[in-house]
Every structure is written in C-alpha cells, then in structure tokens.
PDB file of N, CA and C in Angstrom:
ATOM      1  N   MET A   1       0.833  -1.172   0.000  1.00  0.00           N
ATOM      2  CA  MET A   1       0.000   0.000   0.000  1.00  0.00           C
ATOM      3  C   MET A   1       0.887   1.247   0.000  1.00  0.00           C
ATOM      4  N   LYS A   2       0.565   2.172  -0.867  1.00  0.00           N
ATOM      5  CA  LYS A   2       1.309   3.421  -0.956  1.00  0.00           C
ATOM      6  C   LYS A   2       0.772   4.414   0.072  1.00  0.00           C
ATOM      7  N   LYS A   3       1.692   5.063   0.777  1.00  0.00           N
ATOM      8  CA  LYS A   3       1.338   6.116   1.719  1.00  0.00           C
ATOM      9  C   LYS A   3       1.647   7.454   1.057  1.00  0.00           C
ATOM     10  N   ILE A   4       0.622   8.302   0.958  1.00  0.00           N
ATOM     11  CA  ILE A   4       0.846   9.593   0.315  1.00  0.00           C
ATOM     12  C   ILE A   4       0.326  10.727   1.196  1.00  0.00           C
ATOM     13  N   ALA A   5       0.869  11.905   0.924  1.00  0.00           N
ATOM     14  CA  ALA A   5       0.424  13.133   1.566  1.00  0.00           C
ATOM     15  C   ALA A   5       0.095  14.134   0.469  1.00  0.00           C
ATOM     16  N   ILE A   6      -0.772  15.079   0.796  1.00  0.00           N
ATOM     17  CA  ILE A   6      -1.137  16.147  -0.132  1.00  0.00           C
ATOM     18  C   ILE A   6      -0.798  17.471   0.545  1.00  0.00           C
ATOM     19  N   TYR A   7      -0.217  18.371  -0.225  1.00  0.00           N
ATOM     20  CA  TYR A   7       0.232  19.668   0.274  1.00  0.00           C
ATOM     21  C   TYR A   7      -0.399  20.765  -0.573  1.00  0.00           C
ATOM     22  N   ASN A   8      -1.177  21.631   0.058  1.00  0.00           N
ATOM     23  CA  ASN A   8      -1.902  22.678  -0.653  1.00  0.00           C
ATOM     24  C   ASN A   8      -1.619  24.056  -0.090  1.00  0.00           C
ATOM     25  N   CYS A   9      -2.109  25.056  -0.802  1.00  0.00           N
ATOM     26  CA  CYS A   9      -1.946  26.472  -0.453  1.00  0.00           C
ATOM     27  C   CYS A   9      -2.955  26.898   0.613  1.00  0.00           C
ATOM     28  N   LEU A  10      -2.479  27.605   1.621  1.00  0.00           N
ATOM     29  CA  LEU A  10      -3.359  28.117   2.669  1.00  0.00           C
ATOM     30  C   LEU A  10      -4.418  29.052   2.102  1.00  0.00           C
ATOM     31  N   LYS A  11      -4.044  29.898   1.151  1.00  0.00           N
ATOM     32  CA  LYS A  11      -5.012  30.819   0.544  1.00  0.00           C
ATOM     33  C   LYS A  11      -6.156  30.069  -0.145  1.00  0.00           C
ATOM     34  N   ALA A  12      -5.904  28.851  -0.572  1.00  0.00           N
ATOM     35  CA  ALA A  12      -6.938  28.064  -1.241  1.00  0.00           C
ATOM     36  C   ALA A  12      -8.100  27.756  -0.301  1.00  0.00           C
ATOM     37  N   ASN A  13      -7.880  27.867   1.007  1.00  0.00           N
ATOM     38  CA  ASN A  13      -8.965  27.641   1.968  1.00  0.00           C
ATOM     39  C   ASN A  13     -10.173  28.526   1.697  1.00  0.00           C
ATOM     40  N   ASN A  14      -9.945  29.664   1.058  1.00  0.00           N
ATOM     41  CA  ASN A  14     -11.046  30.571   0.755  1.00  0.00           C
ATOM     42  C   ASN A  14     -12.075  29.939  -0.168  1.00  0.00           C
ATOM     43  N   VAL A  15     -11.630  29.033  -1.021  1.00  0.00           N
ATOM     44  CA  VAL A  15     -12.545  28.438  -2.004  1.00  0.00           C
ATOM     45  C   VAL A  15     -12.477  26.912  -2.071  1.00  0.00           C
ATOM     46  N   CYS A  16     -11.549  26.319  -1.349  1.00  0.00           N
ATOM     47  CA  CYS A  16     -11.281  24.884  -1.498  1.00  0.00           C
ATOM     48  C   CYS A  16     -11.854  24.062  -0.344  1.00  0.00           C
ATOM     49  N   THR A  17     -12.546  23.000  -0.708  1.00  0.00           N
ATOM     50  CA  THR A  17     -13.017  22.038   0.286  1.00  0.00           C
ATOM     51  C   THR A  17     -12.114  20.818   0.351  1.00  0.00           C
ATOM     52  N   GLY A  18     -11.206  20.700  -0.618  1.00  0.00           N
ATOM     53  CA  GLY A  18     -10.383  19.509  -0.734  1.00  0.00           C
ATOM     54  C   GLY A  18     -11.067  18.426  -1.555  1.00  0.00           C
ATOM     55  N   ALA A  19     -12.312  18.663  -1.944  1.00  0.00           N
ATOM     56  CA  ALA A  19     -13.097  17.649  -2.649  1.00  0.00           C
ATOM     57  C   ALA A  19     -12.486  17.247  -3.986  1.00  0.00           C
ATOM     58  N   ALA A  20     -11.959  18.206  -4.732  1.00  0.00           N
ATOM     59  CA  ALA A  20     -11.384  17.868  -6.043  1.00  0.00           C
ATOM     60  C   ALA A  20     -10.150  16.983  -5.879  1.00  0.00           C
ATOM     61  N   CYS A  21      -9.324  17.277  -4.885  1.00  0.00           N
ATOM     62  CA  CYS A  21      -8.152  16.429  -4.618  1.00  0.00           C
ATOM     63  C   CYS A  21      -8.608  15.028  -4.193  1.00  0.00           C
ATOM     64  N   MET A  22      -9.588  14.977  -3.304  1.00  0.00           N
ATOM     65  CA  MET A  22     -10.071  13.673  -2.818  1.00  0.00           C
ATOM     66  C   MET A  22     -10.720  12.873  -3.943  1.00  0.00           C
ATOM     67  N   ASN A  23     -11.470  13.545  -4.788  1.00  0.00           N
ATOM     68  CA  ASN A  23     -12.111  12.870  -5.919  1.00  0.00           C
ATOM     69  C   ASN A  23     -11.048  12.300  -6.862  1.00  0.00           C
ATOM     70  N   ALA A  24     -10.043  13.108  -7.174  1.00  0.00           N
ATOM     71  CA  ALA A  24      -8.971  12.632  -8.052  1.00  0.00           C
ATOM     72  C   ALA A  24      -8.238  11.449  -7.420  1.00  0.00           C
ATOM     73  N   LEU A  25      -7.984  11.535  -6.128  1.00  0.00           N
ATOM     74  CA  LEU A  25      -7.320  10.433  -5.429  1.00  0.00           C
ATOM     75  C   LEU A  25      -8.183   9.174  -5.451  1.00  0.00           C
ATOM     76  N   ASN A  26      -9.428   9.315  -5.037  1.00  0.00           N
ATOM     77  CA  ASN A  26     -10.314   8.150  -4.956  1.00  0.00           C
ATOM     78  C   ASN A  26     -10.549   7.479  -6.297  1.00  0.00           C
ATOM     79  N   ASN A  27     -10.534   8.278  -7.365  1.00  0.00           N
ATOM     80  CA  ASN A  27     -10.776   7.736  -8.701  1.00  0.00           C
ATOM     81  C   ASN A  27      -9.499   7.542  -9.506  1.00  0.00           C
ATOM     82  N   ARG A  28      -8.345   7.770  -8.854  1.00  0.00           N
ATOM     83  CA  ARG A  28      -7.024   7.605  -9.481  1.00  0.00           C
ATOM     84  C   ARG A  28      -6.937   8.362 -10.800  1.00  0.00           C
ATOM     85  N   LYS A  29      -7.310   9.628 -10.747  1.00  0.00           N
ATOM     86  CA  LYS A  29      -7.275  10.500 -11.917  1.00  0.00           C
ATOM     87  C   LYS A  29      -6.161  11.531 -11.767  1.00  0.00           C
ATOM     88  N   ALA A  30      -5.830  12.173 -12.858  1.00  0.00           N
ATOM     89  CA  ALA A  30      -4.851  13.272 -12.913  1.00  0.00           C
ATOM     90  C   ALA A  30      -3.559  12.862 -12.200  1.00  0.00           C
ATOM     91  N   GLY A  31      -3.140  13.612 -11.196  1.00  0.00           N
ATOM     92  CA  GLY A  31      -1.876  13.344 -10.519  1.00  0.00           C
ATOM     93  C   GLY A  31      -1.814  12.015  -9.793  1.00  0.00           C
ATOM     94  N   PHE A  32      -2.966  11.415  -9.548  1.00  0.00           N
ATOM     95  CA  PHE A  32      -3.008  10.147  -8.818  1.00  0.00           C
ATOM     96  C   PHE A  32      -3.162   8.926  -9.726  1.00  0.00           C
ATOM     97  N   GLU A  33      -3.147   9.159 -11.013  1.00  0.00           N
ATOM     98  CA  GLU A  33      -3.278   8.060 -11.972  1.00  0.00           C
ATOM     99  C   GLU A  33      -2.142   7.048 -11.824  1.00  0.00           C
ATOM    100  N   VAL A  34      -1.007   7.486 -11.316  1.00  0.00           N
ATOM    101  CA  VAL A  34       0.136   6.584 -11.143  1.00  0.00           C
ATOM    102  C   VAL A  34      -0.175   5.446 -10.164  1.00  0.00           C
ATOM    103  N   TYR A  35      -1.246   5.600  -9.382  1.00  0.00           N
ATOM    104  CA  TYR A  35      -1.634   4.572  -8.405  1.00  0.00           C
ATOM    105  C   TYR A  35      -2.845   3.762  -8.869  1.00  0.00           C
ATOM    106  N   LYS A  36      -3.152   3.787 -10.156  1.00  0.00           N
ATOM    107  CA  LYS A  36      -4.408   3.211 -10.628  1.00  0.00           C
ATOM    108  C   LYS A  36      -4.597   1.745 -10.253  1.00  0.00           C
ATOM    109  N   ASP A  37      -3.543   1.001 -10.091  1.00  0.00           N
ATOM    110  CA  ASP A  37      -3.673  -0.412  -9.737  1.00  0.00           C
ATOM    111  C   ASP A  37      -3.151  -0.704  -8.333  1.00  0.00           C
ATOM    112  N   GLU A  38      -3.120   0.323  -7.481  1.00  0.00           N
ATOM    113  CA  GLU A  38      -2.559   0.153  -6.143  1.00  0.00           C
ATOM    114  C   GLU A  38      -3.505   0.673  -5.072  1.00  0.00           C
ATOM    115  N   GLU A  39      -3.341   0.117  -3.886  1.00  0.00           N
ATOM    116  CA  GLU A  39      -4.042   0.664  -2.734  1.00  0.00           C
ATOM    117  C   GLU A  39      -3.244   1.855  -2.234  1.00  0.00           C
ATOM    118  N   VAL A  40      -3.962   2.867  -1.766  1.00  0.00           N
ATOM    119  CA  VAL A  40      -3.334   4.092  -1.288  1.00  0.00           C
ATOM    120  C   VAL A  40      -3.917   4.470   0.064  1.00  0.00           C
ATOM    121  N   GLU A  41      -3.042   4.918   0.938  1.00  0.00           N
ATOM    122  CA  GLU A  41      -3.473   5.468   2.218  1.00  0.00           C
ATOM    123  C   GLU A  41      -3.067   6.935   2.247  1.00  0.00           C
ATOM    124  N   LEU A  42      -4.035   7.816   2.460  1.00  0.00           N
ATOM    125  CA  LEU A  42      -3.741   9.233   2.610  1.00  0.00           C
ATOM    126  C   LEU A  42      -3.333   9.448   4.057  1.00  0.00           C
ATOM    127  N   ILE A  43      -2.070   9.811   4.266  1.00  0.00           N
ATOM    128  CA  ILE A  43      -1.558   9.953   5.636  1.00  0.00           C
ATOM    129  C   ILE A  43      -1.538  11.392   6.125  1.00  0.00           C
ATOM    130  N   ALA A  44      -1.649  12.351   5.198  1.00  0.00           N
ATOM    131  CA  ALA A  44      -1.684  13.761   5.599  1.00  0.00           C
ATOM    132  C   ALA A  44      -2.267  14.603   4.478  1.00  0.00           C
ATOM    133  N   PHE A  45      -3.011  15.635   4.885  1.00  0.00           N
ATOM    134  CA  PHE A  45      -3.540  16.638   3.964  1.00  0.00           C
ATOM    135  C   PHE A  45      -3.206  17.963   4.616  1.00  0.00           C
ATOM    136  N   MET A  46      -2.115  18.565   4.180  1.00  0.00           N
ATOM    137  CA  MET A  46      -1.619  19.759   4.867  1.00  0.00           C
ATOM    138  C   MET A  46      -1.676  20.996   3.998  1.00  0.00           C
ATOM    139  N   ARG A  47      -1.690  22.132   4.657  1.00  0.00           N
ATOM    140  CA  ARG A  47      -1.648  23.426   3.999  1.00  0.00           C
ATOM    141  C   ARG A  47      -0.338  24.106   4.371  1.00  0.00           C
ATOM    142  N   CYS A  48       0.101  25.021   3.520  1.00  0.00           N
ATOM    143  CA  CYS A  48       1.263  25.829   3.882  1.00  0.00           C
ATOM    144  C   CYS A  48       0.861  26.754   5.030  1.00  0.00           C
ATOM    145  N   ASN A  49       1.798  27.535   5.529  1.00  0.00           N
ATOM    146  CA  ASN A  49       1.505  28.469   6.619  1.00  0.00           C
ATOM    147  C   ASN A  49       1.279  29.887   6.124  1.00  0.00           C
ATOM    148  N   GLY A  50       1.102  30.040   4.829  1.00  0.00           N
ATOM    149  CA  GLY A  50       0.858  31.363   4.273  1.00  0.00           C
ATOM    150  C   GLY A  50       2.099  31.956   3.640  1.00  0.00           C
ATOM    151  N   CYS A  51       1.965  33.174   3.234  1.00  0.00           N
ATOM    152  CA  CYS A  51       2.992  33.821   2.416  1.00  0.00           C
ATOM    153  C   CYS A  51       4.003  34.646   3.204  1.00  0.00           C
ATOM    154  N   SER A  52       3.832  34.764   4.496  1.00  0.00           N
ATOM    155  CA  SER A  52       4.659  35.715   5.242  1.00  0.00           C
ATOM    156  C   SER A  52       6.084  35.251   5.509  1.00  0.00           C
ATOM    157  N   LYS A  53       6.306  33.949   5.647  1.00  0.00           N
ATOM    158  CA  LYS A  53       7.655  33.457   5.961  1.00  0.00           C
ATOM    159  C   LYS A  53       8.041  32.306   5.034  1.00  0.00           C
ATOM    160  N   ALA A  54       9.304  32.250   4.724  1.00  0.00           N
ATOM    161  CA  ALA A  54       9.830  31.107   3.975  1.00  0.00           C
ATOM    162  C   ALA A  54       9.814  29.883   4.887  1.00  0.00           C
ATOM    163  N   PRO A  55       9.563  28.703   4.343  1.00  0.00           N
ATOM    164  CA  PRO A  55       9.465  27.496   5.167  1.00  0.00           C
ATOM    165  C   PRO A  55      10.689  27.227   6.038  1.00  0.00           C
ATOM    166  N   ASP A  56      11.865  27.578   5.553  1.00  0.00           N
ATOM    167  CA  ASP A  56      13.077  27.338   6.325  1.00  0.00           C
ATOM    168  C   ASP A  56      13.275  28.369   7.432  1.00  0.00           C
ATOM    169  N   LYS A  57      12.402  29.375   7.490  1.00  0.00           N
ATOM    170  CA  LYS A  57      12.461  30.408   8.534  1.00  0.00           C
ATOM    171  C   LYS A  57      11.238  30.344   9.464  1.00  0.00           C
ATOM    172  N   ASP A  58      10.326  29.433   9.202  1.00  0.00           N
ATOM    173  CA  ASP A  58       9.066  29.319   9.923  1.00  0.00           C
ATOM    174  C   ASP A  58       9.087  28.051  10.785  1.00  0.00           C
ATOM    175  N   GLU A  59       9.189  28.226  12.095  1.00  0.00           N
ATOM    176  CA  GLU A  59       9.294  27.068  12.994  1.00  0.00           C
ATOM    177  C   GLU A  59       8.104  26.125  12.869  1.00  0.00           C
ATOM    178  N   GLY A  60       6.912  26.682  12.731  1.00  0.00           N
ATOM    179  CA  GLY A  60       5.729  25.843  12.589  1.00  0.00           C
ATOM    180  C   GLY A  60       5.768  25.000  11.325  1.00  0.00           C
ATOM    181  N   MET A  61       6.195  25.618  10.231  1.00  0.00           N
ATOM    182  CA  MET A  61       6.283  24.873   8.975  1.00  0.00           C
ATOM    183  C   MET A  61       7.390  23.832   9.044  1.00  0.00           C
ATOM    184  N   GLN A  62       8.490  24.170   9.679  1.00  0.00           N
ATOM    185  CA  GLN A  62       9.564  23.191   9.846  1.00  0.00           C
ATOM    186  C   GLN A  62       9.044  21.971  10.610  1.00  0.00           C
ATOM    187  N   GLU A  63       8.223  22.219  11.629  1.00  0.00           N
ATOM    188  CA  GLU A  63       7.644  21.117  12.397  1.00  0.00           C
ATOM    189  C   GLU A  63       6.727  20.265  11.526  1.00  0.00           C
ATOM    190  N   LYS A  64       5.916  20.913  10.689  1.00  0.00           N
ATOM    191  CA  LYS A  64       5.037  20.174   9.779  1.00  0.00           C
ATOM    192  C   LYS A  64       5.849  19.307   8.820  1.00  0.00           C
ATOM    193  N   LEU A  65       6.890  19.891   8.241  1.00  0.00           N
ATOM    194  CA  LEU A  65       7.698  19.148   7.276  1.00  0.00           C
ATOM    195  C   LEU A  65       8.395  17.964   7.934  1.00  0.00           C
ATOM    196  N   GLU A  66       8.900  18.164   9.146  1.00  0.00           N
ATOM    197  CA  GLU A  66       9.539  17.056   9.874  1.00  0.00           C
ATOM    198  C   GLU A  66       8.526  15.946  10.166  1.00  0.00           C
ATOM    199  N   LYS A  67       7.293  16.332  10.481  1.00  0.00           N
ATOM    200  CA  LYS A  67       6.245  15.335  10.733  1.00  0.00           C
ATOM    201  C   LYS A  67       5.996  14.506   9.475  1.00  0.00           C
ATOM    202  N   ILE A  68       5.925  15.179   8.337  1.00  0.00           N
ATOM    203  CA  ILE A  68       5.737  14.453   7.072  1.00  0.00           C
ATOM    204  C   ILE A  68       6.888  13.483   6.851  1.00  0.00           C
ATOM    205  N   VAL A  69       8.116  13.941   7.021  1.00  0.00           N
ATOM    206  CA  VAL A  69       9.290  13.086   6.837  1.00  0.00           C
ATOM    207  C   VAL A  69       9.219  11.872   7.771  1.00  0.00           C
ATOM    208  N   SER A  70       8.833  12.107   9.013  1.00  0.00           N
ATOM    209  CA  SER A  70       8.775  11.011  10.000  1.00  0.00           C
ATOM    210  C   SER A  70       7.710   9.974   9.663  1.00  0.00           C
ATOM    211  N   MET A  71       6.712  10.371   8.877  1.00  0.00           N
ATOM    212  CA  MET A  71       5.651   9.439   8.481  1.00  0.00           C
ATOM    213  C   MET A  71       6.077   8.556   7.306  1.00  0.00           C
ATOM    214  N   ASN A  72       7.239   8.873   6.724  1.00  0.00           N
ATOM    215  CA  ASN A  72       7.821   8.092   5.641  1.00  0.00           C
ATOM    216  C   ASN A  72       6.849   7.842   4.477  1.00  0.00           C
ATOM    217  N   PRO A  73       6.334   8.921   3.871  1.00  0.00           N
ATOM    218  CA  PRO A  73       5.408   8.725   2.751  1.00  0.00           C
ATOM    219  C   PRO A  73       6.129   8.207   1.510  1.00  0.00           C
ATOM    220  N   ASP A  74       5.388   7.511   0.674  1.00  0.00           N
ATOM    221  CA  ASP A  74       5.933   7.111  -0.620  1.00  0.00           C
ATOM    222  C   ASP A  74       6.003   8.308  -1.551  1.00  0.00           C
ATOM    223  N   ALA A  75       5.100   9.265  -1.343  1.00  0.00           N
ATOM    224  CA  ALA A  75       5.109  10.493  -2.140  1.00  0.00           C
ATOM    225  C   ALA A  75       4.288  11.567  -1.453  1.00  0.00           C
ATOM    226  N   LEU A  76       4.625  12.802  -1.773  1.00  0.00           N
ATOM    227  CA  LEU A  76       3.841  13.958  -1.370  1.00  0.00           C
ATOM    228  C   LEU A  76       3.413  14.651  -2.654  1.00  0.00           C
ATOM    229  N   HIS A  77       2.106  14.834  -2.815  1.00  0.00           N
ATOM    230  CA  HIS A  77       1.567  15.497  -4.001  1.00  0.00           C
ATOM    231  C   HIS A  77       1.297  16.957  -3.686  1.00  0.00           C
ATOM    232  N   ILE A  78       1.743  17.834  -4.572  1.00  0.00           N
ATOM    233  CA  ILE A  78       1.516  19.267  -4.411  1.00  0.00           C
ATOM    234  C   ILE A  78       0.314  19.657  -5.272  1.00  0.00           C
ATOM    235  N   GLY A  79      -0.659  20.292  -4.629  1.00  0.00           N
ATOM    236  CA  GLY A  79      -1.905  20.672  -5.294  1.00  0.00           C
ATOM    237  C   GLY A  79      -1.731  21.726  -6.367  1.00  0.00           C
ATOM    238  N   LYS A  80      -2.660  21.701  -7.306  1.00  0.00           N
ATOM    239  CA  LYS A  80      -2.605  22.681  -8.387  1.00  0.00           C
ATOM    240  C   LYS A  80      -2.900  24.085  -7.899  1.00  0.00           C
ATOM    241  N   CYS A  81      -3.445  24.214  -6.695  1.00  0.00           N
ATOM    242  CA  CYS A  81      -3.710  25.535  -6.113  1.00  0.00           C
ATOM    243  C   CYS A  81      -2.428  26.279  -5.774  1.00  0.00           C
ATOM    244  N   THR A  82      -1.292  25.623  -5.862  1.00  0.00           N
ATOM    245  CA  THR A  82      -0.011  26.265  -5.549  1.00  0.00           C
ATOM    246  C   THR A  82       0.588  26.991  -6.748  1.00  0.00           C
ATOM    247  N   ILE A  83      -0.099  26.916  -7.872  1.00  0.00           N
ATOM    248  CA  ILE A  83       0.339  27.615  -9.080  1.00  0.00           C
ATOM    249  C   ILE A  83      -0.302  28.999  -9.075  1.00  0.00           C
ATOM    250  N   ASN A  84       0.499  30.047  -9.183  1.00  0.00           N
ATOM    251  CA  ASN A  84      -0.036  31.403  -9.106  1.00  0.00           C
ATOM    252  C   ASN A  84      -0.583  31.891 -10.443  1.00  0.00           C
ATOM    253  N   LYS A  85      -1.077  33.113 -10.434  1.00  0.00           N
ATOM    254  CA  LYS A  85      -1.693  33.666 -11.642  1.00  0.00           C
ATOM    255  C   LYS A  85      -0.710  33.798 -12.800  1.00  0.00           C
ATOM    256  N   ASP A  86       0.591  33.800 -12.497  1.00  0.00           N
ATOM    257  CA  ASP A  86       1.616  33.868 -13.537  1.00  0.00           C
ATOM    258  C   ASP A  86       2.021  32.475 -14.032  1.00  0.00           C
ATOM    259  N   LYS A  87       1.264  31.465 -13.597  1.00  0.00           N
ATOM    260  CA  LYS A  87       1.495  30.065 -14.004  1.00  0.00           C
ATOM    261  C   LYS A  87       2.798  29.503 -13.453  1.00  0.00           C
ATOM    262  N   LYS A  88       3.231  30.031 -12.298  1.00  0.00           N
ATOM    263  CA  LYS A  88       4.441  29.546 -11.648  1.00  0.00           C
ATOM    264  C   LYS A  88       4.084  29.028 -10.264  1.00  0.00           C
ATOM    265  N   GLU A  89       4.835  28.052  -9.818  1.00  0.00           N
ATOM    266  CA  GLU A  89       4.617  27.528  -8.481  1.00  0.00           C
ATOM    267  C   GLU A  89       5.048  28.561  -7.446  1.00  0.00           C
ATOM    268  N   CYS A  90       4.268  28.669  -6.382  1.00  0.00           N
ATOM    269  CA  CYS A  90       4.605  29.574  -5.282  1.00  0.00           C
ATOM    270  C   CYS A  90       6.014  29.261  -4.773  1.00  0.00           C
ATOM    271  N   SER A  91       6.805  30.298  -4.560  1.00  0.00           N
ATOM    272  CA  SER A  91       8.188  30.097  -4.129  1.00  0.00           C
ATOM    273  C   SER A  91       8.268  29.445  -2.752  1.00  0.00           C
ATOM    274  N   LYS A  92       7.291  29.696  -1.894  1.00  0.00           N
ATOM    275  CA  LYS A  92       7.280  29.076  -0.552  1.00  0.00           C
ATOM    276  C   LYS A  92       7.021  27.576  -0.667  1.00  0.00           C
ATOM    277  N   ILE A  93       6.137  27.209  -1.566  1.00  0.00           N
ATOM    278  CA  ILE A  93       5.843  25.793  -1.811  1.00  0.00           C
ATOM    279  C   ILE A  93       7.066  25.109  -2.411  1.00  0.00           C
ATOM    280  N   THR A  94       7.703  25.771  -3.370  1.00  0.00           N
ATOM    281  CA  THR A  94       8.904  25.209  -3.995  1.00  0.00           C
ATOM    282  C   THR A  94       9.983  24.964  -2.948  1.00  0.00           C
ATOM    283  N   LYS A  95      10.189  25.927  -2.051  1.00  0.00           N
ATOM    284  CA  LYS A  95      11.211  25.774  -1.004  1.00  0.00           C
ATOM    285  C   LYS A  95      10.862  24.610  -0.081  1.00  0.00           C
ATOM    286  N   ALA A  96       9.609  24.489   0.312  1.00  0.00           N
ATOM    287  CA  ALA A  96       9.200  23.368   1.168  1.00  0.00           C
ATOM    288  C   ALA A  96       9.417  22.042   0.448  1.00  0.00           C
ATOM    289  N   ALA A  97       9.103  22.002  -0.839  1.00  0.00           N
ATOM    290  CA  ALA A  97       9.320  20.779  -1.622  1.00  0.00           C
ATOM    291  C   ALA A  97      10.803  20.429  -1.668  1.00  0.00           C
ATOM    292  N   GLU A  98      11.652  21.423  -1.832  1.00  0.00           N
ATOM    293  CA  GLU A  98      13.099  21.192  -1.851  1.00  0.00           C
ATOM    294  C   GLU A  98      13.577  20.619  -0.514  1.00  0.00           C
ATOM    295  N   ILE A  99      13.042  21.148   0.577  1.00  0.00           N
ATOM    296  CA  ILE A  99      13.407  20.634   1.903  1.00  0.00           C
ATOM    297  C   ILE A  99      13.001  19.172   2.020  1.00  0.00           C
ATOM    298  N   LEU A 100      11.778  18.852   1.606  1.00  0.00           N
ATOM    299  CA  LEU A 100      11.311  17.465   1.685  1.00  0.00           C
ATOM    300  C   LEU A 100      12.142  16.546   0.795  1.00  0.00           C
ATOM    301  N   GLU A 101      12.414  16.991  -0.416  1.00  0.00           N
ATOM    302  CA  GLU A 101      13.221  16.174  -1.330  1.00  0.00           C
ATOM    303  C   GLU A 101      14.611  15.929  -0.762  1.00  0.00           C
ATOM    304  N   SER A 102      15.191  16.923  -0.100  1.00  0.00           N
ATOM    305  CA  SER A 102      16.526  16.756   0.478  1.00  0.00           C
ATOM    306  C   SER A 102      16.526  15.729   1.609  1.00  0.00           C
ATOM    307  N   LYS A 103      15.330  15.453   2.134  1.00  0.00           N
ATOM    308  CA  LYS A 103      15.199  14.465   3.213  1.00  0.00           C
ATOM    309  C   LYS A 103      14.642  13.135   2.697  1.00  0.00           C
ATOM    310  N   GLY A 104      14.624  12.982   1.377  1.00  0.00           N
ATOM    311  CA  GLY A 104      14.262  11.703   0.779  1.00  0.00           C
ATOM    312  C   GLY A 104      12.802  11.503   0.430  1.00  0.00           C
ATOM    313  N   VAL A 105      11.983  12.541   0.528  1.00  0.00           N
ATOM    314  CA  VAL A 105      10.564  12.419   0.185  1.00  0.00           C
ATOM    315  C   VAL A 105      10.397  12.699  -1.306  1.00  0.00           C
ATOM    316  N   GLN A 106       9.723  11.788  -2.001  1.00  0.00           N
ATOM    317  CA  GLN A 106       9.416  12.019  -3.409  1.00  0.00           C
ATOM    318  C   GLN A 106       8.293  13.044  -3.496  1.00  0.00           C
ATOM    319  N   VAL A 107       8.509  14.097  -4.267  1.00  0.00           N
ATOM    320  CA  VAL A 107       7.508  15.132  -4.445  1.00  0.00           C
ATOM    321  C   VAL A 107       6.972  15.048  -5.869  1.00  0.00           C
ATOM    322  N   ILE A 108       5.644  15.013  -5.964  1.00  0.00           N
ATOM    323  CA  ILE A 108       4.977  14.948  -7.261  1.00  0.00           C
ATOM    324  C   ILE A 108       4.102  16.191  -7.406  1.00  0.00           C
ATOM    325  N   ARG A 109       4.307  16.912  -8.492  1.00  0.00           N
ATOM    326  CA  ARG A 109       3.476  18.083  -8.741  1.00  0.00           C
ATOM    327  C   ARG A 109       2.187  17.619  -9.395  1.00  0.00           C
ATOM    328  N   GLY A 110       1.086  17.862  -8.707  1.00  0.00           N
ATOM    329  CA  GLY A 110      -0.213  17.558  -9.282  1.00  0.00           C
ATOM    330  C   GLY A 110      -1.118  16.731  -8.385  1.00  0.00           C
ATOM    331  N   THR A 111      -2.343  17.155  -8.359  1.00  0.00           N
ATOM    332  CA  THR A 111      -3.399  16.421  -7.658  1.00  0.00           C
ATOM    333  C   THR A 111      -4.542  16.221  -8.647  1.00  0.00           C
ATOM    334  N   HIS A 112      -5.399  17.216  -8.803  1.00  0.00           N
ATOM    335  CA  HIS A 112      -6.529  17.093  -9.738  1.00  0.00           C
ATOM    336  C   HIS A 112      -6.331  17.942 -10.961  1.00  0.00           C
TER     337      HIS A 112
END
C-alpha cells in the first residue's frame, strides 16, 4: 500500500473544500493516476503556513515538514492551487518541496 500526503496552499482555503483532490485520489485521476492499480493510504492533507515566511524560517512549517518526513510517505503530491496567476509555483511551496526532497521524500506536482 502506498502512503501519500497532499500539500496545498493556505489561501486556497477561501474556495477549497479539498473535494477535487479527494475525488482525483479516490478515482485515481490526474496526478493520482500513477496509483491506478494500487491501494493508497492518505496519511496527511496539509496546507502551507501562508505567504509571510519562507518554510526554512518558519518554525511551525519546519515542524510540519519534519512530521511528514517522520511518516515516511511514498510520495507527497503538491496541489494545483499552488500555481499562481503567472502560471508559476509559489516560491514558498517550492522551497518546502526542496526541503522534503533533500530528506528523501518524493515530491509529485499535481493532484486534480
């Protein structure tokens, strides 16, 4: 069974219920198609801490990232809500992904 986590933008809380990510996961669509013939356990559904601090300067975010690492996920999927209006990934999300990758977590861009 694959253990995965999902990482989304805090600002997305204004409009996001998480339903599109869950639907894609449950139906193995879009970013979750790679698991189409596998059982999956969702071990975390986390949000960033907002735009004010970089993840490596935010103690709370560092704690969240360490928790993810300690759970030993097979992958962490980054939600499409992390792409800004300029079609680029949020720099805070990118930095958090780099931290996770440096600790051996596979990061996959894409959920629904």
